[in-house]
Amino acid sequence: MVSQFSYADERLWHVGYDFDFVDVGVPGLKFTFRYVSADYVDPTHMSGSEARELRARGARGNEWERYNEIAYVVQSGPLKNL
C-alpha cells in the first residue's frame, strides 16, 4: 500500500478479502484485495487544489486506497517456493 493512514485524528476503516486457490485445485495461487478509506485528514498533509480549498475553509479532507494482489508460489522443481 502507498498511503500510511497514520495522521493525527485521522479516522479510517478497511475491508479485505483473501482467496487461496488451493480450494479449486490450484495450489500456490492466492488473491488479496484491500480497500481503505479515511476521513478527518488534516489538509496540511495533502497537496493540490483540493488541499488549498480545504485549508481556506478550515475543513478536513479524506483519502482512500485500493490494493489488489495475485501471487503464485512454485510448488515443485528447481524453483520450488519461489
PDB file of N, CA and C in Angstrom:
ATOM      1  N   MET A   1       0.832  -1.172   0.000  1.00  0.00           N
ATOM      2  CA  MET A   1       0.000   0.000   0.000  1.00  0.00           C
ATOM      3  C   MET A   1       0.882   1.243   0.000  1.00  0.00           C
ATOM      4  N   VAL A   2       0.375   2.303  -0.578  1.00  0.00           N
ATOM      5  CA  VAL A   2       1.147   3.529  -0.721  1.00  0.00           C
ATOM      6  C   VAL A   2       0.953   4.454   0.476  1.00  0.00           C
ATOM      7  N   SER A   3      -0.273   4.656   0.893  1.00  0.00           N
ATOM      8  CA  SER A   3      -0.568   5.571   1.999  1.00  0.00           C
ATOM      9  C   SER A   3      -0.287   4.908   3.346  1.00  0.00           C
ATOM     10  N   GLN A   4       0.006   5.742   4.339  1.00  0.00           N
ATOM     11  CA  GLN A   4       0.258   5.216   5.674  1.00  0.00           C
ATOM     12  C   GLN A   4      -0.977   5.281   6.560  1.00  0.00           C
ATOM     13  N   PHE A   5      -1.900   6.186   6.279  1.00  0.00           N
ATOM     14  CA  PHE A   5      -3.123   6.326   7.065  1.00  0.00           C
ATOM     15  C   PHE A   5      -2.783   6.453   8.554  1.00  0.00           C
ATOM     16  N   SER A   6      -1.894   7.361   8.885  1.00  0.00           N
ATOM     17  CA  SER A   6      -1.441   7.472  10.277  1.00  0.00           C
ATOM     18  C   SER A   6      -1.367   8.913  10.780  1.00  0.00           C
ATOM     19  N   TYR A   7      -2.117   9.821  10.166  1.00  0.00           N
ATOM     20  CA  TYR A   7      -2.106  11.208  10.619  1.00  0.00           C
ATOM     21  C   TYR A   7      -2.885  11.354  11.921  1.00  0.00           C
ATOM     22  N   ALA A   8      -2.528  12.344  12.707  1.00  0.00           N
ATOM     23  CA  ALA A   8      -3.227  12.604  13.974  1.00  0.00           C
ATOM     24  C   ALA A   8      -4.711  12.842  13.707  1.00  0.00           C
ATOM     25  N   ASP A   9      -5.564  12.262  14.511  1.00  0.00           N
ATOM     26  CA  ASP A   9      -7.030  12.413  14.448  1.00  0.00           C
ATOM     27  C   ASP A   9      -7.673  11.781  13.211  1.00  0.00           C
ATOM     28  N   GLU A  10      -6.907  11.162  12.348  1.00  0.00           N
ATOM     29  CA  GLU A  10      -7.471  10.532  11.164  1.00  0.00           C
ATOM     30  C   GLU A  10      -8.287   9.301  11.573  1.00  0.00           C
ATOM     31  N   ARG A  11      -9.471   9.184  10.984  1.00  0.00           N
ATOM     32  CA  ARG A  11     -10.329   8.029  11.254  1.00  0.00           C
ATOM     33  C   ARG A  11     -10.384   7.183   9.986  1.00  0.00           C
ATOM     34  N   LEU A  12     -10.266   5.866  10.148  1.00  0.00           N
ATOM     35  CA  LEU A  12     -10.290   5.029   8.955  1.00  0.00           C
ATOM     36  C   LEU A  12     -10.997   3.714   9.207  1.00  0.00           C
ATOM     37  N   TRP A  13     -11.380   3.097   8.115  1.00  0.00           N
ATOM     38  CA  TRP A  13     -11.928   1.750   8.136  1.00  0.00           C
ATOM     39  C   TRP A  13     -11.360   1.026   6.934  1.00  0.00           C
ATOM     40  N   HIS A  14     -11.320  -0.274   7.035  1.00  0.00           N
ATOM     41  CA  HIS A  14     -10.820  -1.039   5.899  1.00  0.00           C
ATOM     42  C   HIS A  14     -11.517  -2.386   5.824  1.00  0.00           C
ATOM     43  N   VAL A  15     -11.566  -2.882   4.605  1.00  0.00           N
ATOM     44  CA  VAL A  15     -12.156  -4.182   4.355  1.00  0.00           C
ATOM     45  C   VAL A  15     -11.171  -4.960   3.482  1.00  0.00           C
ATOM     46  N   GLY A  16     -11.103  -6.247   3.721  1.00  0.00           N
ATOM     47  CA  GLY A  16     -10.177  -7.065   2.942  1.00  0.00           C
ATOM     48  C   GLY A  16     -10.757  -8.427   2.650  1.00  0.00           C
ATOM     49  N   TYR A  17     -10.209  -9.058   1.617  1.00  0.00           N
ATOM     50  CA  TYR A  17     -10.636 -10.396   1.239  1.00  0.00           C
ATOM     51  C   TYR A  17      -9.421 -11.142   0.707  1.00  0.00           C
ATOM     52  N   ASP A  18      -9.230 -12.363   1.146  1.00  0.00           N
ATOM     53  CA  ASP A  18      -8.161 -13.229   0.663  1.00  0.00           C
ATOM     54  C   ASP A  18      -8.786 -14.514   0.140  1.00  0.00           C
ATOM     55  N   PHE A  19      -8.246 -14.996  -0.975  1.00  0.00           N
ATOM     56  CA  PHE A  19      -8.727 -16.265  -1.523  1.00  0.00           C
ATOM     57  C   PHE A  19      -7.539 -17.132  -1.887  1.00  0.00           C
ATOM     58  N   ASP A  20      -7.518 -18.342  -1.375  1.00  0.00           N
ATOM     59  CA  ASP A  20      -6.475 -19.322  -1.671  1.00  0.00           C
ATOM     60  C   ASP A  20      -7.049 -20.295  -2.692  1.00  0.00           C
ATOM     61  N   PHE A  21      -6.465 -20.326  -3.881  1.00  0.00           N
ATOM     62  CA  PHE A  21      -6.992 -21.140  -4.973  1.00  0.00           C
ATOM     63  C   PHE A  21      -6.768 -22.640  -4.784  1.00  0.00           C
ATOM     64  N   VAL A  22      -6.127 -23.037  -3.697  1.00  0.00           N
ATOM     65  CA  VAL A  22      -5.960 -24.469  -3.431  1.00  0.00           C
ATOM     66  C   VAL A  22      -7.329 -25.143  -3.336  1.00  0.00           C
ATOM     67  N   ASP A  23      -8.325 -24.397  -2.893  1.00  0.00           N
ATOM     68  CA  ASP A  23      -9.684 -24.935  -2.769  1.00  0.00           C
ATOM     69  C   ASP A  23     -10.309 -25.290  -4.113  1.00  0.00           C
ATOM     70  N   VAL A  24      -9.798 -24.708  -5.202  1.00  0.00           N
ATOM     71  CA  VAL A  24     -10.325 -25.008  -6.539  1.00  0.00           C
ATOM     72  C   VAL A  24      -9.293 -25.736  -7.391  1.00  0.00           C
ATOM     73  N   GLY A  25      -8.267 -26.296  -6.737  1.00  0.00           N
ATOM     74  CA  GLY A  25      -7.304 -27.137  -7.438  1.00  0.00           C
ATOM     75  C   GLY A  25      -6.060 -26.458  -7.977  1.00  0.00           C
ATOM     76  N   VAL A  26      -5.762 -25.235  -7.529  1.00  0.00           N
ATOM     77  CA  VAL A  26      -4.559 -24.534  -7.997  1.00  0.00           C
ATOM     78  C   VAL A  26      -3.711 -24.150  -6.790  1.00  0.00           C
ATOM     79  N   PRO A  27      -2.969 -25.109  -6.234  1.00  0.00           N
ATOM     80  CA  PRO A  27      -2.149 -24.798  -5.057  1.00  0.00           C
ATOM     81  C   PRO A  27      -1.055 -23.787  -5.401  1.00  0.00           C
ATOM     82  N   GLY A  28      -0.802 -22.873  -4.469  1.00  0.00           N
ATOM     83  CA  GLY A  28       0.230 -21.855  -4.661  1.00  0.00           C
ATOM     84  C   GLY A  28      -0.290 -20.526  -5.170  1.00  0.00           C
ATOM     85  N   LEU A  29      -1.507 -20.497  -5.712  1.00  0.00           N
ATOM     86  CA  LEU A  29      -2.082 -19.262  -6.243  1.00  0.00           C
ATOM     87  C   LEU A  29      -2.964 -18.612  -5.177  1.00  0.00           C
ATOM     88  N   LYS A  30      -2.722 -17.320  -4.926  1.00  0.00           N
ATOM     89  CA  LYS A  30      -3.514 -16.586  -3.921  1.00  0.00           C
ATOM     90  C   LYS A  30      -3.887 -15.210  -4.447  1.00  0.00           C
ATOM     91  N   PHE A  31      -5.051 -14.751  -4.034  1.00  0.00           N
ATOM     92  CA  PHE A  31      -5.551 -13.426  -4.406  1.00  0.00           C
ATOM     93  C   PHE A  31      -5.850 -12.643  -3.130  1.00  0.00           C
ATOM     94  N   THR A  32      -5.457 -11.370  -3.109  1.00  0.00           N
ATOM     95  CA  THR A  32      -5.702 -10.487  -1.967  1.00  0.00           C
ATOM     96  C   THR A  32      -6.321  -9.186  -2.462  1.00  0.00           C
ATOM     97  N   PHE A  33      -7.335  -8.710  -1.746  1.00  0.00           N
ATOM     98  CA  PHE A  33      -7.964  -7.417  -2.033  1.00  0.00           C
ATOM     99  C   PHE A  33      -8.090  -6.646  -0.729  1.00  0.00           C
ATOM    100  N   ARG A  34      -7.751  -5.358  -0.747  1.00  0.00           N
ATOM    101  CA  ARG A  34      -7.908  -4.477   0.408  1.00  0.00           C
ATOM    102  C   ARG A  34      -8.444  -3.123  -0.075  1.00  0.00           C
ATOM    103  N   TYR A  35      -9.350  -2.556   0.713  1.00  0.00           N
ATOM    104  CA  TYR A  35      -9.843  -1.200   0.473  1.00  0.00           C
ATOM    105  C   TYR A  35      -9.782  -0.466   1.802  1.00  0.00           C
ATOM    106  N   VAL A  36      -9.161   0.714   1.782  1.00  0.00           N
ATOM    107  CA  VAL A  36      -9.043   1.526   2.992  1.00  0.00           C
ATOM    108  C   VAL A  36      -9.598   2.915   2.687  1.00  0.00           C
ATOM    109  N   SER A  37     -10.414   3.435   3.587  1.00  0.00           N
ATOM    110  CA  SER A  37     -10.979   4.768   3.452  1.00  0.00           C
ATOM    111  C   SER A  37     -10.771   5.520   4.762  1.00  0.00           C
ATOM    112  N   ALA A  38     -10.345   6.766   4.664  1.00  0.00           N
ATOM    113  CA  ALA A  38     -10.085   7.574   5.854  1.00  0.00           C
ATOM    114  C   ALA A  38     -10.691   8.959   5.688  1.00  0.00           C
ATOM    115  N   ASP A  39     -11.125   9.518   6.809  1.00  0.00           N
ATOM    116  CA  ASP A  39     -11.611  10.891   6.787  1.00  0.00           C
ATOM    117  C   ASP A  39     -10.988  11.655   7.951  1.00  0.00           C
ATOM    118  N   TYR A  40     -11.335  12.906   8.026  1.00  0.00           N
ATOM    119  CA  TYR A  40     -10.811  13.810   9.050  1.00  0.00           C
ATOM    120  C   TYR A  40      -9.288  13.971   8.918  1.00  0.00           C
ATOM    121  N   VAL A  41      -8.825  14.040   7.671  1.00  0.00           N
ATOM    122  CA  VAL A  41      -7.398  14.203   7.383  1.00  0.00           C
ATOM    123  C   VAL A  41      -7.063  15.691   7.388  1.00  0.00           C
ATOM    124  N   ASP A  42      -6.052  16.066   8.141  1.00  0.00           N
ATOM    125  CA  ASP A  42      -5.576  17.444   8.203  1.00  0.00           C
ATOM    126  C   ASP A  42      -5.054  17.842   6.821  1.00  0.00           C
ATOM    127  N   PRO A  43      -5.618  18.874   6.176  1.00  0.00           N
ATOM    128  CA  PRO A  43      -5.213  19.234   4.812  1.00  0.00           C
ATOM    129  C   PRO A  43      -3.776  19.730   4.693  1.00  0.00           C
ATOM    130  N   THR A  44      -3.102  20.010   5.811  1.00  0.00           N
ATOM    131  CA  THR A  44      -1.686  20.390   5.706  1.00  0.00           C
ATOM    132  C   THR A  44      -0.846  19.195   5.272  1.00  0.00           C
ATOM    133  N   HIS A  45      -1.392  17.989   5.350  1.00  0.00           N
ATOM    134  CA  HIS A  45      -0.689  16.788   4.903  1.00  0.00           C
ATOM    135  C   HIS A  45      -1.054  16.423   3.473  1.00  0.00           C
ATOM    136  N   MET A  46      -1.876  17.252   2.831  1.00  0.00           N
ATOM    137  CA  MET A  46      -2.343  16.978   1.477  1.00  0.00           C
ATOM    138  C   MET A  46      -1.739  18.000   0.523  1.00  0.00           C
ATOM    139  N   SER A  47      -1.811  17.704  -0.774  1.00  0.00           N
ATOM    140  CA  SER A  47      -1.316  18.646  -1.773  1.00  0.00           C
ATOM    141  C   SER A  47      -2.370  18.833  -2.854  1.00  0.00           C
ATOM    142  N   GLY A  48      -2.190  19.836  -3.675  1.00  0.00           N
ATOM    143  CA  GLY A  48      -3.095  20.078  -4.787  1.00  0.00           C
ATOM    144  C   GLY A  48      -4.171  21.107  -4.478  1.00  0.00           C
ATOM    145  N   SER A  49      -5.021  21.343  -5.462  1.00  0.00           N
ATOM    146  CA  SER A  49      -6.052  22.373  -5.345  1.00  0.00           C
ATOM    147  C   SER A  49      -7.086  22.030  -4.277  1.00  0.00           C
ATOM    148  N   GLU A  50      -7.416  20.747  -4.132  1.00  0.00           N
ATOM    149  CA  GLU A  50      -8.374  20.352  -3.101  1.00  0.00           C
ATOM    150  C   GLU A  50      -7.839  20.703  -1.711  1.00  0.00           C
ATOM    151  N   ALA A  51      -6.561  20.458  -1.475  1.00  0.00           N
ATOM    152  CA  ALA A  51      -5.950  20.769  -0.175  1.00  0.00           C
ATOM    153  C   ALA A  51      -5.985  22.272   0.091  1.00  0.00           C
ATOM    154  N   ARG A  52      -5.689  23.077  -0.931  1.00  0.00           N
ATOM    155  CA  ARG A  52      -5.737  24.543  -0.753  1.00  0.00           C
ATOM    156  C   ARG A  52      -7.140  25.002  -0.394  1.00  0.00           C
ATOM    157  N   GLU A  53      -8.135  24.427  -1.067  1.00  0.00           N
ATOM    158  CA  GLU A  53      -9.532  24.779  -0.785  1.00  0.00           C
ATOM    159  C   GLU A  53      -9.934  24.367   0.626  1.00  0.00           C
ATOM    160  N   LEU A  54      -9.551  23.187   1.048  1.00  0.00           N
ATOM    161  CA  LEU A  54      -9.874  22.717   2.398  1.00  0.00           C
ATOM    162  C   LEU A  54      -9.211  23.593   3.458  1.00  0.00           C
ATOM    163  N   ARG A  55      -7.945  23.950   3.237  1.00  0.00           N
ATOM    164  CA  ARG A  55      -7.244  24.819   4.194  1.00  0.00           C
ATOM    165  C   ARG A  55      -7.924  26.178   4.281  1.00  0.00           C
ATOM    166  N   ALA A  56      -8.355  26.722   3.146  1.00  0.00           N
ATOM    167  CA  ALA A  56      -9.022  28.029   3.125  1.00  0.00           C
ATOM    168  C   ALA A  56     -10.340  27.986   3.892  1.00  0.00           C
ATOM    169  N   ARG A  57     -11.046  26.877   3.824  1.00  0.00           N
ATOM    170  CA  ARG A  57     -12.322  26.738   4.523  1.00  0.00           C
ATOM    171  C   ARG A  57     -12.150  26.248   5.956  1.00  0.00           C
ATOM    172  N   GLY A  58     -10.948  25.812   6.315  1.00  0.00           N
ATOM    173  CA  GLY A  58     -10.724  25.249   7.647  1.00  0.00           C
ATOM    174  C   GLY A  58     -11.354  23.874   7.803  1.00  0.00           C
ATOM    175  N   ALA A  59     -11.482  23.164   6.688  1.00  0.00           N
ATOM    176  CA  ALA A  59     -12.131  21.856   6.690  1.00  0.00           C
ATOM    177  C   ALA A  59     -11.095  20.738   6.678  1.00  0.00           C
ATOM    178  N   ARG A  60     -11.563  19.520   6.855  1.00  0.00           N
ATOM    179  CA  ARG A  60     -10.708  18.331   6.814  1.00  0.00           C
ATOM    180  C   ARG A  60     -10.951  17.582   5.507  1.00  0.00           C
ATOM    181  N   GLY A  61      -9.989  16.765   5.123  1.00  0.00           N
ATOM    182  CA  GLY A  61     -10.097  16.013   3.877  1.00  0.00           C
ATOM    183  C   GLY A  61     -10.277  14.529   4.114  1.00  0.00           C
ATOM    184  N   ASN A  62     -10.171  13.779   3.025  1.00  0.00           N
ATOM    185  CA  ASN A  62     -10.255  12.326   3.118  1.00  0.00           C
ATOM    186  C   ASN A  62      -9.284  11.700   2.124  1.00  0.00           C
ATOM    187  N   GLU A  63      -9.002  10.429   2.309  1.00  0.00           N
ATOM    188  CA  GLU A  63      -8.164   9.685   1.389  1.00  0.00           C
ATOM    189  C   GLU A  63      -8.646   8.243   1.351  1.00  0.00           C
ATOM    190  N   TRP A  64      -8.303   7.545   0.283  1.00  0.00           N
ATOM    191  CA  TRP A  64      -8.676   6.150   0.159  1.00  0.00           C
ATOM    192  C   TRP A  64      -7.628   5.446  -0.679  1.00  0.00           C
ATOM    193  N   GLU A  65      -7.622   4.133  -0.574  1.00  0.00           N
ATOM    194  CA  GLU A  65      -6.688   3.337  -1.359  1.00  0.00           C
ATOM    195  C   GLU A  65      -7.270   1.956  -1.593  1.00  0.00           C
ATOM    196  N   ARG A  66      -7.027   1.455  -2.780  1.00  0.00           N
ATOM    197  CA  ARG A  66      -7.460   0.117  -3.161  1.00  0.00           C
ATOM    198  C   ARG A  66      -6.196  -0.677  -3.506  1.00  0.00           C
ATOM    199  N   TYR A  67      -6.144  -1.927  -3.073  1.00  0.00           N
ATOM    200  CA  TYR A  67      -4.958  -2.757  -3.267  1.00  0.00           C
ATOM    201  C   TYR A  67      -5.388  -4.146  -3.703  1.00  0.00           C
ATOM    202  N   ASN A  68      -4.848  -4.617  -4.811  1.00  0.00           N
ATOM    203  CA  ASN A  68      -5.113  -5.968  -5.302  1.00  0.00           C
ATOM    204  C   ASN A  68      -3.785  -6.661  -5.543  1.00  0.00           C
ATOM    205  N   GLU A  69      -3.732  -7.931  -5.226  1.00  0.00           N
ATOM    206  CA  GLU A  69      -2.506  -8.685  -5.482  1.00  0.00           C
ATOM    207  C   GLU A  69      -2.866 -10.116  -5.834  1.00  0.00           C
ATOM    208  N   ILE A  70      -2.184 -10.633  -6.820  1.00  0.00           N
ATOM    209  CA  ILE A  70      -2.301 -12.045  -7.132  1.00  0.00           C
ATOM    210  C   ILE A  70      -0.875 -12.591  -7.109  1.00  0.00           C
ATOM    211  N   ALA A  71      -0.694 -13.694  -6.396  1.00  0.00           N
ATOM    212  CA  ALA A  71       0.645 -14.243  -6.215  1.00  0.00           C
ATOM    213  C   ALA A  71       0.623 -15.752  -6.442  1.00  0.00           C
ATOM    214  N   TYR A  72       1.739 -16.240  -6.939  1.00  0.00           N
ATOM    215  CA  TYR A  72       1.881 -17.673  -7.143  1.00  0.00           C
ATOM    216  C   TYR A  72       3.222 -18.124  -6.586  1.00  0.00           C
ATOM    217  N   VAL A  73       3.217 -19.212  -5.841  1.00  0.00           N
ATOM    218  CA  VAL A  73       4.425 -19.825  -5.305  1.00  0.00           C
ATOM    219  C   VAL A  73       4.613 -21.161  -6.022  1.00  0.00           C
ATOM    220  N   VAL A  74       5.776 -21.330  -6.669  1.00  0.00           N
ATOM    221  CA  VAL A  74       6.075 -22.563  -7.395  1.00  0.00           C
ATOM    222  C   VAL A  74       6.072 -23.735  -6.418  1.00  0.00           C
ATOM    223  N   GLN A  75       5.389 -24.806  -6.793  1.00  0.00           N
ATOM    224  CA  GLN A  75       5.163 -25.925  -5.887  1.00  0.00           C
ATOM    225  C   GLN A  75       6.231 -27.005  -5.927  1.00  0.00           C
ATOM    226  N   SER A  76       6.948 -27.135  -7.058  1.00  0.00           N
ATOM    227  CA  SER A  76       7.955 -28.197  -7.152  1.00  0.00           C
ATOM    228  C   SER A  76       9.016 -27.821  -8.190  1.00  0.00           C
ATOM    229  N   GLY A  77      10.069 -28.616  -8.237  1.00  0.00           N
ATOM    230  CA  GLY A  77      11.143 -28.396  -9.202  1.00  0.00           C
ATOM    231  C   GLY A  77      12.216 -27.462  -8.641  1.00  0.00           C
ATOM    232  N   PRO A  78      13.159 -27.034  -9.500  1.00  0.00           N
ATOM    233  CA  PRO A  78      14.268 -26.224  -9.035  1.00  0.00           C
ATOM    234  C   PRO A  78      13.861 -24.826  -8.524  1.00  0.00           C
ATOM    235  N   LEU A  79      12.696 -24.356  -8.907  1.00  0.00           N
ATOM    236  CA  LEU A  79      12.226 -23.049  -8.457  1.00  0.00           C
ATOM    237  C   LEU A  79      11.214 -23.150  -7.315  1.00  0.00           C
ATOM    238  N   LYS A  80      11.154 -24.305  -6.675  1.00  0.00           N
ATOM    239  CA  LYS A  80      10.196 -24.524  -5.602  1.00  0.00           C
ATOM    240  C   LYS A  80      10.280 -23.406  -4.556  1.00  0.00           C
ATOM    241  N   ASN A  81       9.110 -22.932  -4.106  1.00  0.00           N
ATOM    242  CA  ASN A  81       8.928 -21.860  -3.117  1.00  0.00           C
ATOM    243  C   ASN A  81       9.306 -20.473  -3.602  1.00  0.00           C
ATOM    244  N   LEU A  82       9.582 -20.335  -4.904  1.00  0.00           N
ATOM    245  CA  LEU A  82       9.872 -19.006  -5.464  1.00  0.00           C
ATOM    246  C   LEU A  82       8.574 -18.308  -5.791  1.00  0.00           C
TER     247      LEU A  82
END
